[in-house]
Amino acid sequence: MPGLGTLADAPAIARIVHAATGVDPDDMRIAGRGQTSIGWRVDAPGGPYCVIVAIPPEARHQRYHDEPTNYAARHAVLTALANLHAGTARPIATAATIEGSDPADGRWDWIVTTWTQGAPTTGAITDTVATELGRFLATLHSIPTQGFGWLQDTATTIRGAESTRHDGMLSRWYPDLWPFDGRPLIEHPLIRVAPQLVTTVSQLRELLLRFENERTEVALCHTDLNPEHILVDGDHLGGVIDFGDAAVVPPAFDIASFAYYFGWQSTEALLEGYTSNSVLRDIRRAEAQQLSIALALQKIEKHTVAIPDEARLATAMAFLNETLPVAARRQA
């Protein structure tokens, strides 16, 4: 693959760790790779540590070629969470905060944090973990923010880069988030893959557009609660990782994201942890069911047009078929 020769290697990771922590690694290994970053586990005095380094644009899928890594914004989010939630990684340094010269010489953006214990979920999740994740989301959503949408890449504030809720949602899910992108539903791939659903989905348009209203609540959200980002340590939540897609959007987007990957039954346990207020639980559930329609349509478009994937398309369709009748009843 083009660009693989420009990826950060072990000596580069060692230099970054030494500059950030003052210690030298005893051992290091690649822990995982995403669309824009590679994560390393580094065992060293005071550690273990996690080092995340940007993948050069030329080595990414074309869809993610220009997507920012937002490591400084991740540092700001983790700083805000560090004193509020014990399972959150503690930020140590980024290329934007390091004192002295950049150990990567500007070749790679990077961030160093403490290591989060646990292993990614396997697609299923216990009620205990879901409830603890609900408590985590309540904490995350309580952090003060400014602006809307994808975060500005600064380590000192948590601020969405956009000035309106509309632009904020599109900045996170650009360019395909019906109905916020302004397209008629007939232009969406749904017309090809499930034309029988178009009439029912279209009836939800005005309801969904209410989330752009100036009175709509927004919060700091993770926005991508897939199994790889939720770590389980024994019978409990180990932590939540990868805040690269964090954004200031309606908080129910996080609940909808969780429901997409883990189902509505587990979402009930999450809501129990999220709040003891039954009225607020009902509100968040209803909002999540509505926003799940927009999220499912975004996934359908992604896996039919941008990154075709029949298995993931089938998952998105199954979720839409399950959720649409409930959202439609609430509309009625």
Protein backbone atom coordinates (compact mmCIF):
# COMPACT_ATOMS: atom_id res chain seq x y z
CA MET A 1 0.00 0.00 0.00
CA PRO A 2 1.39 3.45 -0.87
CA GLY A 3 2.83 5.29 2.07
CA LEU A 4 3.50 2.29 4.33
CA GLY A 5 7.18 3.08 4.28
CA THR A 6 6.47 6.42 5.90
CA LEU A 7 4.69 4.98 8.95
CA ALA A 8 6.27 5.65 12.34
CA ASP A 9 8.59 2.79 13.37
CA ALA A 10 9.71 1.52 16.77
CA PRO A 11 12.66 3.95 17.14
CA ALA A 12 10.33 6.87 16.43
CA ILE A 13 7.86 5.60 19.05
CA ALA A 14 10.71 5.25 21.57
CA ARG A 15 11.76 8.87 20.97
CA ILE A 16 8.18 10.06 21.46
CA VAL A 17 7.80 8.12 24.71
CA HIS A 18 11.08 9.41 26.09
CA ALA A 19 10.21 13.01 25.25
CA ALA A 20 6.72 12.70 26.77
CA THR A 21 7.57 10.71 29.91
CA GLY A 22 11.32 10.95 30.45
CA VAL A 23 11.73 7.17 30.45
CA ASP A 24 12.87 4.65 27.87
CA PRO A 25 10.66 1.73 26.73
CA ASP A 26 11.23 -1.82 27.92
CA ASP A 27 8.95 -3.26 25.26
CA MET A 28 6.57 -1.98 22.58
CA ARG A 29 4.17 -3.42 20.08
CA ILE A 30 1.41 -2.32 17.74
CA ALA A 31 -1.94 -2.67 19.51
CA GLY A 32 -4.29 -1.75 16.68
CA ARG A 33 -4.89 0.25 13.55
CA GLY A 34 -7.82 2.49 12.64
CA GLN A 35 -8.60 4.52 9.54
CA THR A 36 -6.33 7.45 10.46
CA SER A 37 -4.11 6.21 13.31
CA ILE A 38 -1.99 3.36 14.60
CA GLY A 39 -1.89 2.61 18.33
CA TRP A 40 1.14 1.21 20.15
CA ARG A 41 1.37 -0.29 23.62
CA VAL A 42 4.62 0.70 25.31
CA ASP A 43 5.80 -0.95 28.52
CA ALA A 44 8.10 1.38 30.45
CA PRO A 45 8.65 2.60 34.02
CA GLY A 46 5.49 4.31 35.22
CA GLY A 47 3.48 2.72 32.38
CA PRO A 48 2.23 1.01 30.42
CA TYR A 49 1.54 3.79 27.94
CA CYS A 50 -0.47 4.16 24.78
CA VAL A 51 1.07 6.00 21.83
CA ILE A 52 -1.21 6.88 18.93
CA VAL A 53 0.44 8.08 15.73
CA ALA A 54 -1.18 9.43 12.58
CA ILE A 55 -1.18 7.38 9.39
CA PRO A 56 0.07 9.45 6.41
CA PRO A 57 -2.82 10.49 4.15
CA GLU A 58 -1.44 8.52 1.20
CA ALA A 59 -1.68 5.28 3.22
CA ARG A 60 -5.35 5.73 4.15
CA HIS A 61 -8.58 4.79 2.38
CA GLN A 62 -9.51 7.61 0.04
CA ARG A 63 -12.58 8.50 2.13
CA TYR A 64 -10.32 9.30 5.09
CA HIS A 65 -7.51 10.93 3.13
CA ASP A 66 -8.08 14.42 4.56
CA GLU A 67 -9.71 13.48 7.87
CA PRO A 68 -7.95 15.19 10.80
CA THR A 69 -6.69 13.10 13.70
CA ASN A 70 -7.59 15.77 16.29
CA TYR A 71 -5.03 14.59 18.83
CA ALA A 72 -4.95 17.94 20.61
CA ALA A 73 -8.74 17.83 20.98
CA ARG A 74 -8.48 14.26 22.31
CA HIS A 75 -5.98 15.53 24.88
CA ALA A 76 -8.45 18.22 25.97
CA VAL A 77 -11.30 15.69 26.32
CA LEU A 78 -9.18 13.25 28.32
CA THR A 79 -7.95 16.08 30.54
CA ALA A 80 -11.55 17.02 31.33
CA LEU A 81 -12.47 13.39 32.02
CA ALA A 82 -9.38 12.47 34.07
CA ASN A 83 -10.74 13.78 37.36
CA LEU A 84 -14.32 12.67 36.70
CA HIS A 85 -14.03 9.01 35.66
CA ALA A 86 -11.49 6.55 37.03
CA GLY A 87 -11.44 4.34 33.93
CA THR A 88 -10.37 7.05 31.53
CA ALA A 89 -6.85 7.19 30.16
CA ARG A 90 -4.77 10.06 31.54
CA PRO A 91 -3.32 12.32 28.82
CA ILE A 92 0.41 12.91 29.01
CA ALA A 93 1.46 14.88 25.92
CA THR A 94 0.82 15.52 22.25
CA ALA A 95 2.84 17.10 19.49
CA ALA A 96 0.90 20.29 20.31
CA THR A 97 1.71 20.28 24.05
CA ILE A 98 5.22 18.81 24.28
CA GLU A 99 7.81 21.11 25.80
CA GLY A 100 10.88 21.48 23.63
CA SER A 101 11.37 20.15 20.13
CA ASP A 102 9.00 17.62 18.60
CA PRO A 103 10.58 14.15 18.88
CA ALA A 104 8.88 13.18 15.62
CA ASP A 105 10.34 16.24 13.84
CA GLY A 106 6.86 17.11 12.55
CA ARG A 107 6.68 13.95 10.42
CA TRP A 108 3.80 12.41 12.40
CA ASP A 109 1.18 13.85 14.67
CA TRP A 110 0.96 11.86 17.93
CA ILE A 111 -0.50 11.60 21.43
CA VAL A 112 0.71 9.73 24.51
CA THR A 113 -1.67 8.60 27.28
CA THR A 114 -1.70 6.04 30.03
CA TRP A 115 -2.86 2.58 28.96
CA THR A 116 -6.54 1.70 29.44
CA GLN A 117 -7.04 -1.75 30.93
CA GLY A 118 -9.40 -4.19 29.30
CA ALA A 119 -10.15 -5.80 25.96
CA PRO A 120 -12.59 -4.74 23.24
CA THR A 121 -16.03 -6.24 23.51
CA THR A 122 -16.85 -9.06 21.12
CA GLY A 123 -20.21 -7.68 19.97
CA ALA A 124 -22.19 -8.73 23.04
CA ILE A 125 -22.26 -6.75 26.26
CA THR A 126 -23.51 -7.50 29.77
CA ASP A 127 -26.07 -5.35 31.53
CA THR A 128 -23.43 -4.48 34.15
CA VAL A 129 -21.05 -3.09 31.52
CA ALA A 130 -23.90 -1.29 29.72
CA THR A 131 -25.03 0.32 32.99
CA GLU A 132 -21.49 1.44 33.81
CA LEU A 133 -21.13 2.82 30.30
CA GLY A 134 -24.35 4.78 30.86
CA ARG A 135 -22.77 6.39 33.92
CA PHE A 136 -19.69 7.19 31.87
CA LEU A 137 -21.80 8.86 29.16
CA ALA A 138 -23.65 10.93 31.76
CA THR A 139 -20.26 12.19 32.95
CA LEU A 140 -19.04 12.87 29.42
CA HIS A 141 -22.23 14.73 28.55
CA SER A 142 -21.89 16.94 31.64
CA ILE A 143 -18.56 18.47 30.56
CA PRO A 144 -18.96 22.15 29.58
CA THR A 145 -18.51 22.89 25.88
CA GLN A 146 -18.79 25.69 23.38
CA GLY A 147 -19.79 25.74 19.73
CA PHE A 148 -21.15 22.77 17.77
CA GLY A 149 -19.91 19.78 15.83
CA TRP A 150 -16.49 18.24 15.38
CA LEU A 151 -14.03 19.68 17.88
CA GLN A 152 -11.48 22.32 17.11
CA ASP A 153 -8.07 20.70 17.41
CA THR A 154 -6.83 22.52 20.48
CA ALA A 155 -5.62 21.07 23.76
CA THR A 156 -6.80 23.99 25.88
CA THR A 157 -10.57 24.11 25.24
CA ILE A 158 -13.42 21.83 24.22
CA ARG A 159 -15.13 23.71 21.46
CA GLY A 160 -17.06 22.58 18.42
CA ALA A 161 -15.73 24.16 15.25
CA GLU A 162 -19.14 25.27 13.93
CA SER A 163 -21.49 28.08 14.96
CA THR A 164 -24.83 26.31 14.35
CA ARG A 165 -26.33 22.95 15.26
CA HIS A 166 -27.00 22.25 11.58
CA ASP A 167 -23.40 22.77 10.53
CA GLY A 168 -22.22 20.92 13.63
CA MET A 169 -24.03 17.70 12.72
CA LEU A 170 -22.88 17.87 9.11
CA SER A 171 -19.28 18.48 10.20
CA ARG A 172 -19.32 15.17 12.07
CA TRP A 173 -21.15 13.09 9.44
CA TYR A 174 -20.19 15.00 6.27
CA PRO A 175 -21.53 14.82 3.65
CA ASP A 176 -24.21 12.14 4.09
CA LEU A 177 -26.66 12.72 6.94
CA TRP A 178 -30.24 12.79 5.75
CA PRO A 179 -32.32 14.91 6.28
CA PHE A 180 -29.81 17.47 7.57
CA ASP A 181 -27.92 17.50 4.25
CA GLY A 182 -31.00 18.98 2.50
CA ARG A 183 -31.45 16.21 -0.07
CA PRO A 184 -34.84 14.74 -0.91
CA LEU A 185 -34.97 11.13 0.29
CA ILE A 186 -35.45 9.96 -3.31
CA GLU A 187 -31.76 10.79 -3.89
CA HIS A 188 -30.66 8.50 -1.05
CA PRO A 189 -29.53 4.90 -1.80
CA LEU A 190 -32.48 3.71 0.28
CA ILE A 191 -34.60 4.15 -2.84
CA ARG A 192 -32.59 1.31 -4.42
CA VAL A 193 -32.03 -1.06 -1.51
CA ALA A 194 -35.40 -0.74 0.29
CA PRO A 195 -37.91 1.36 -1.70
CA GLN A 196 -40.76 0.00 0.45
CA LEU A 197 -39.40 2.00 3.42
CA VAL A 198 -39.13 5.38 1.70
CA THR A 199 -42.64 6.59 2.51
CA THR A 200 -42.36 5.79 6.23
CA VAL A 201 -38.87 7.24 6.53
CA SER A 202 -39.83 10.44 4.70
CA GLN A 203 -42.58 11.06 7.25
CA LEU A 204 -39.90 11.48 9.92
CA ARG A 205 -38.14 14.31 8.11
CA GLU A 206 -39.66 17.24 10.02
CA LEU A 207 -39.30 15.44 13.34
CA LEU A 208 -35.59 14.92 12.76
CA LEU A 209 -35.05 18.49 11.62
CA ARG A 210 -36.24 19.66 15.03
CA PHE A 211 -32.83 18.63 16.34
CA GLU A 212 -31.47 21.73 14.57
CA ASN A 213 -33.71 23.94 16.71
CA GLU A 214 -31.81 26.40 18.89
CA ARG A 215 -33.50 24.99 22.00
CA THR A 216 -32.20 21.48 21.33
CA GLU A 217 -29.73 20.31 23.96
CA VAL A 218 -26.19 19.46 22.87
CA ALA A 219 -23.30 17.87 24.74
CA LEU A 220 -19.80 16.53 24.30
CA CYS A 221 -20.35 13.11 22.68
CA HIS A 222 -18.06 10.25 21.71
CA THR A 223 -20.30 9.51 18.64
CA ASP A 224 -18.72 6.14 17.71
CA LEU A 225 -19.45 3.60 20.44
CA ASN A 226 -18.54 0.52 18.44
CA PRO A 227 -17.22 -2.64 20.16
CA GLU A 228 -13.57 -1.77 19.51
CA HIS A 229 -13.92 1.45 21.50
CA ILE A 230 -15.51 -0.09 24.61
CA LEU A 231 -13.03 -2.03 26.75
CA VAL A 232 -14.16 -4.64 29.27
CA ASP A 233 -12.02 -5.56 32.27
CA GLY A 234 -13.39 -8.74 33.83
CA ASP A 235 -17.08 -8.18 34.52
CA HIS A 236 -16.85 -4.40 34.38
CA LEU A 237 -16.24 -1.51 32.03
CA GLY A 238 -12.53 -1.01 31.65
CA GLY A 239 -12.79 2.25 29.75
CA VAL A 240 -13.76 4.01 26.55
CA ILE A 241 -11.11 4.85 23.97
CA ASP A 242 -10.66 6.82 20.74
CA PHE A 243 -12.21 10.24 21.04
CA GLY A 244 -11.12 11.21 17.52
CA ASP A 245 -14.74 11.63 16.44
CA ALA A 246 -15.84 13.49 19.57
CA ALA A 247 -18.29 16.25 18.74
CA VAL A 248 -20.76 18.66 20.31
CA VAL A 249 -24.08 17.23 19.12
CA PRO A 250 -27.38 16.09 20.70
CA PRO A 251 -26.49 13.65 23.50
CA ALA A 252 -28.93 11.04 22.18
CA PHE A 253 -26.53 10.45 19.26
CA ASP A 254 -24.32 8.52 21.70
CA ILE A 255 -27.26 6.42 22.82
CA ALA A 256 -28.25 5.80 19.19
CA SER A 257 -24.66 4.82 18.37
CA PHE A 258 -24.62 2.33 21.24
CA ALA A 259 -28.00 0.89 20.19
CA TYR A 260 -26.75 0.46 16.62
CA TYR A 261 -23.90 -1.80 17.74
CA PHE A 262 -25.40 -3.51 20.81
CA GLY A 263 -29.18 -3.47 20.36
CA TRP A 264 -32.09 -1.86 22.12
CA GLN A 265 -32.28 -4.39 24.96
CA SER A 266 -28.76 -3.50 26.15
CA THR A 267 -29.65 0.16 25.62
CA GLU A 268 -32.25 -0.14 28.38
CA ALA A 269 -29.47 -1.12 30.80
CA LEU A 270 -27.35 1.78 29.53
CA LEU A 271 -30.22 4.21 30.18
CA GLU A 272 -30.59 2.86 33.72
CA GLY A 273 -26.99 3.86 34.36
CA TYR A 274 -27.32 7.13 32.49
CA THR A 275 -29.95 8.62 34.81
CA SER A 276 -32.23 7.67 37.67
CA ASN A 277 -34.79 10.18 36.38
CA SER A 278 -37.43 8.15 34.53
CA VAL A 279 -38.66 11.19 32.60
CA LEU A 280 -35.17 11.94 31.28
CA ARG A 281 -34.73 8.26 30.40
CA ASP A 282 -37.92 8.39 28.34
CA ILE A 283 -36.75 11.56 26.59
CA ARG A 284 -33.31 10.14 25.76
CA ARG A 285 -34.83 6.87 24.55
CA ALA A 286 -37.26 8.66 22.24
CA GLU A 287 -34.56 10.98 20.91
CA ALA A 288 -32.22 8.04 20.32
CA GLN A 289 -34.89 6.11 18.42
CA GLN A 290 -35.46 9.11 16.18
CA LEU A 291 -31.78 9.89 15.59
CA SER A 292 -31.15 6.20 14.94
CA ILE A 293 -33.03 6.60 11.66
CA ALA A 294 -30.58 9.26 10.51
CA LEU A 295 -27.67 7.15 11.75
CA ALA A 296 -28.90 4.01 9.96
CA LEU A 297 -29.35 5.93 6.71
CA GLN A 298 -25.83 7.30 7.04
CA LYS A 299 -24.47 3.76 7.44
CA ILE A 300 -26.55 2.51 4.49
CA GLU A 301 -25.14 5.22 2.26
CA LYS A 302 -21.61 4.60 3.50
CA HIS A 303 -21.78 0.87 2.79
CA THR A 304 -23.45 1.15 -0.60
CA VAL A 305 -21.55 4.10 -2.06
CA ALA A 306 -18.49 5.30 -0.15
CA ILE A 307 -17.14 1.99 1.21
CA PRO A 308 -19.28 -0.85 -0.21
CA ASP A 309 -19.66 -3.69 2.27
CA GLU A 310 -22.55 -6.13 1.95
CA ALA A 311 -22.28 -7.50 5.49
CA ARG A 312 -22.28 -4.05 7.09
CA LEU A 313 -25.05 -2.94 4.77
CA ALA A 314 -27.13 -5.87 6.00
CA THR A 315 -26.46 -4.81 9.61
CA ALA A 316 -27.59 -1.26 8.86
CA MET A 317 -30.74 -2.47 7.11
CA ALA A 318 -31.61 -4.80 9.99
CA PHE A 319 -31.22 -1.95 12.48
CA LEU A 320 -33.37 0.37 10.34
CA ASN A 321 -36.09 -2.25 9.97
CA GLU A 322 -36.12 -2.86 13.72
CA THR A 323 -36.13 0.79 14.78
CA LEU A 324 -38.29 2.42 12.12
CA PRO A 325 -41.67 1.10 13.38
CA VAL A 326 -40.95 2.44 16.89
CA ALA A 327 -39.80 5.85 15.64
CA ALA A 328 -42.78 6.04 13.30
CA ARG A 329 -45.22 5.28 16.13
CA ARG A 330 -43.75 8.09 18.18
CA GLN A 331 -44.20 10.42 15.24
CA ALA A 332 -47.86 9.42 14.95
